[in-house]
Amino acid sequence: MNVEIRLPLTDLQRRVLEFIHEFIHRALYPPTVKEIQDALSVPNPGTIHKAISALEKKGYLEKTRRVARGIRLTQLGEDVGGQARQLSLDLE
């Protein structure tokens, strides 16, 4: 029996995941922490680092250490980020 357990996302984690998904699909490369911080109007970069770390632990993305644009969405991140984007487009 194959059961998928999705850990819930906080509001900030969801916003970060959606931004990363949108950015990658628009620019064709991942954003930096600074670009995420500026886009989401978060005053402290440490907050973004914590959100990215949590998303990585929950399996939504992978991060290459010490690389400015080292974020890569996993299949789960692609699916969830894409669903959130589609939902927002449907609501407009």
C-alpha atoms as a PDB file:
ATOM      1  CA  MET A   1       0.000   0.000   0.000  1.00  0.00           C
ATOM      2  CA  ASN A   2       1.470   3.334  -1.103  1.00  0.00           C
ATOM      3  CA  VAL A   3       0.252   6.259   1.008  1.00  0.00           C
ATOM      4  CA  GLU A   4       1.348   9.818   0.324  1.00  0.00           C
ATOM      5  CA  ILE A   5       1.518  12.089   3.348  1.00  0.00           C
ATOM      6  CA  ARG A   6       1.738  15.790   2.627  1.00  0.00           C
ATOM      7  CA  LEU A   7       2.910  17.948   5.454  1.00  0.00           C
ATOM      8  CA  PRO A   8       0.917  21.181   5.647  1.00  0.00           C
ATOM      9  CA  LEU A   9       2.510  24.453   4.617  1.00  0.00           C
ATOM     10  CA  THR A  10       2.416  27.668   6.577  1.00  0.00           C
ATOM     11  CA  ASP A  11       1.148  30.734   4.735  1.00  0.00           C
ATOM     12  CA  LEU A  12       4.712  31.990   4.203  1.00  0.00           C
ATOM     13  CA  GLN A  13       5.934  28.605   2.989  1.00  0.00           C
ATOM     14  CA  ARG A  14       3.051  28.446   0.506  1.00  0.00           C
ATOM     15  CA  ARG A  15       3.803  31.983  -0.735  1.00  0.00           C
ATOM     16  CA  VAL A  16       7.534  31.183  -1.089  1.00  0.00           C
ATOM     17  CA  LEU A  17       6.764  27.953  -2.974  1.00  0.00           C
ATOM     18  CA  GLU A  18       4.322  29.702  -5.301  1.00  0.00           C
ATOM     19  CA  PHE A  19       6.810  32.517  -5.969  1.00  0.00           C
ATOM     20  CA  ILE A  20       9.635  30.074  -6.709  1.00  0.00           C
ATOM     21  CA  HIS A  21       7.380  28.078  -9.052  1.00  0.00           C
ATOM     22  CA  GLU A  22       6.206  31.202 -10.894  1.00  0.00           C
ATOM     23  CA  PHE A  23       9.730  32.665 -11.098  1.00  0.00           C
ATOM     24  CA  ILE A  24      11.286  29.480 -12.491  1.00  0.00           C
ATOM     25  CA  HIS A  25       8.558  29.089 -15.105  1.00  0.00           C
ATOM     26  CA  ARG A  26       8.863  32.731 -16.150  1.00  0.00           C
ATOM     27  CA  ALA A  27      12.653  33.272 -15.992  1.00  0.00           C
ATOM     28  CA  LEU A  28      13.781  29.660 -16.590  1.00  0.00           C
ATOM     29  CA  TYR A  29      16.166  29.793 -13.602  1.00  0.00           C
ATOM     30  CA  PRO A  30      15.526  29.885  -9.832  1.00  0.00           C
ATOM     31  CA  PRO A  31      15.351  33.069  -7.767  1.00  0.00           C
ATOM     32  CA  THR A  32      17.861  34.155  -5.148  1.00  0.00           C
ATOM     33  CA  VAL A  33      16.861  34.539  -1.504  1.00  0.00           C
ATOM     34  CA  LYS A  34      17.066  38.324  -1.992  1.00  0.00           C
ATOM     35  CA  GLU A  35      14.652  38.187  -4.950  1.00  0.00           C
ATOM     36  CA  ILE A  36      12.187  36.121  -2.895  1.00  0.00           C
ATOM     37  CA  GLN A  37      12.591  38.460   0.079  1.00  0.00           C
ATOM     38  CA  ASP A  38      11.945  41.564  -2.033  1.00  0.00           C
ATOM     39  CA  ALA A  39       8.987  40.066  -3.915  1.00  0.00           C
ATOM     40  CA  LEU A  40       7.243  38.947  -0.735  1.00  0.00           C
ATOM     41  CA  SER A  41       8.174  42.088   1.256  1.00  0.00           C
ATOM     42  CA  VAL A  42       9.818  40.109   4.039  1.00  0.00           C
ATOM     43  CA  PRO A  43      12.198  42.318   6.038  1.00  0.00           C
ATOM     44  CA  ASN A  44      14.580  39.577   7.214  1.00  0.00           C
ATOM     45  CA  PRO A  45      16.394  37.198   4.814  1.00  0.00           C
ATOM     46  CA  GLY A  46      16.652  34.659   7.654  1.00  0.00           C
ATOM     47  CA  THR A  47      12.877  34.240   7.466  1.00  0.00           C
ATOM     48  CA  ILE A  48      13.177  33.222   3.813  1.00  0.00           C
ATOM     49  CA  HIS A  49      16.060  30.858   4.612  1.00  0.00           C
ATOM     50  CA  LYS A  50      13.891  29.177   7.281  1.00  0.00           C
ATOM     51  CA  ALA A  51      10.952  28.846   4.870  1.00  0.00           C
ATOM     52  CA  ILE A  52      13.212  27.331   2.184  1.00  0.00           C
ATOM     53  CA  SER A  53      14.710  24.932   4.731  1.00  0.00           C
ATOM     54  CA  ALA A  54      11.223  23.847   5.840  1.00  0.00           C
ATOM     55  CA  LEU A  55      10.129  23.354   2.218  1.00  0.00           C
ATOM     56  CA  GLU A  56      13.218  21.244   1.646  1.00  0.00           C
ATOM     57  CA  LYS A  57      12.526  19.092   4.725  1.00  0.00           C
ATOM     58  CA  LYS A  58       8.909  18.627   3.618  1.00  0.00           C
ATOM     59  CA  GLY A  59      10.069  17.478   0.171  1.00  0.00           C
ATOM     60  CA  TYR A  60       8.839  20.395  -1.949  1.00  0.00           C
ATOM     61  CA  LEU A  61      12.268  21.516  -3.127  1.00  0.00           C
ATOM     62  CA  GLU A  62      15.956  20.705  -3.080  1.00  0.00           C
ATOM     63  CA  LYS A  63      18.655  23.224  -2.273  1.00  0.00           C
ATOM     64  CA  THR A  64      22.273  23.072  -3.376  1.00  0.00           C
ATOM     65  CA  ARG A  65      24.335  24.583  -0.592  1.00  0.00           C
ATOM     66  CA  ARG A  66      26.468  27.657  -1.235  1.00  0.00           C
ATOM     67  CA  VAL A  67      24.951  28.294  -4.661  1.00  0.00           C
ATOM     68  CA  ALA A  68      23.081  31.577  -5.209  1.00  0.00           C
ATOM     69  CA  ARG A  69      20.436  30.033  -7.465  1.00  0.00           C
ATOM     70  CA  GLY A  70      20.632  26.517  -6.071  1.00  0.00           C
ATOM     71  CA  ILE A  71      16.904  25.914  -5.592  1.00  0.00           C
ATOM     72  CA  ARG A  72      15.206  23.138  -7.557  1.00  0.00           C
ATOM     73  CA  LEU A  73      11.565  22.142  -7.228  1.00  0.00           C
ATOM     74  CA  THR A  74      10.850  18.466  -6.663  1.00  0.00           C
ATOM     75  CA  GLN A  75       7.926  16.834  -8.453  1.00  0.00           C
ATOM     76  CA  LEU A  76       5.800  17.493  -5.360  1.00  0.00           C
ATOM     77  CA  GLY A  77       6.860  21.158  -5.435  1.00  0.00           C
ATOM     78  CA  GLU A  78       5.999  21.392  -9.126  1.00  0.00           C
ATOM     79  CA  ASP A  79       2.597  19.816  -8.534  1.00  0.00           C
ATOM     80  CA  VAL A  80       1.665  21.920  -5.510  1.00  0.00           C
ATOM     81  CA  GLY A  81       3.132  25.160  -6.928  1.00  0.00           C
ATOM     82  CA  GLY A  82       1.315  24.580 -10.205  1.00  0.00           C
ATOM     83  CA  GLN A  83      -1.979  23.799  -8.456  1.00  0.00           C
ATOM     84  CA  ALA A  84      -1.779  26.970  -6.391  1.00  0.00           C
ATOM     85  CA  ARG A  85      -1.039  29.014  -9.504  1.00  0.00           C
ATOM     86  CA  GLN A  86      -3.922  27.401 -11.409  1.00  0.00           C
ATOM     87  CA  LEU A  87      -6.263  28.046  -8.487  1.00  0.00           C
ATOM     88  CA  SER A  88      -5.356  31.742  -8.447  1.00  0.00           C
ATOM     89  CA  LEU A  89      -5.871  31.957 -12.217  1.00  0.00           C
ATOM     90  CA  ASP A  90      -9.277  30.247 -11.902  1.00  0.00           C
ATOM     91  CA  LEU A  91     -10.356  32.753  -9.255  1.00  0.00           C
ATOM     92  CA  GLU A  92      -9.485  35.820 -11.347  1.00  0.00           C
END
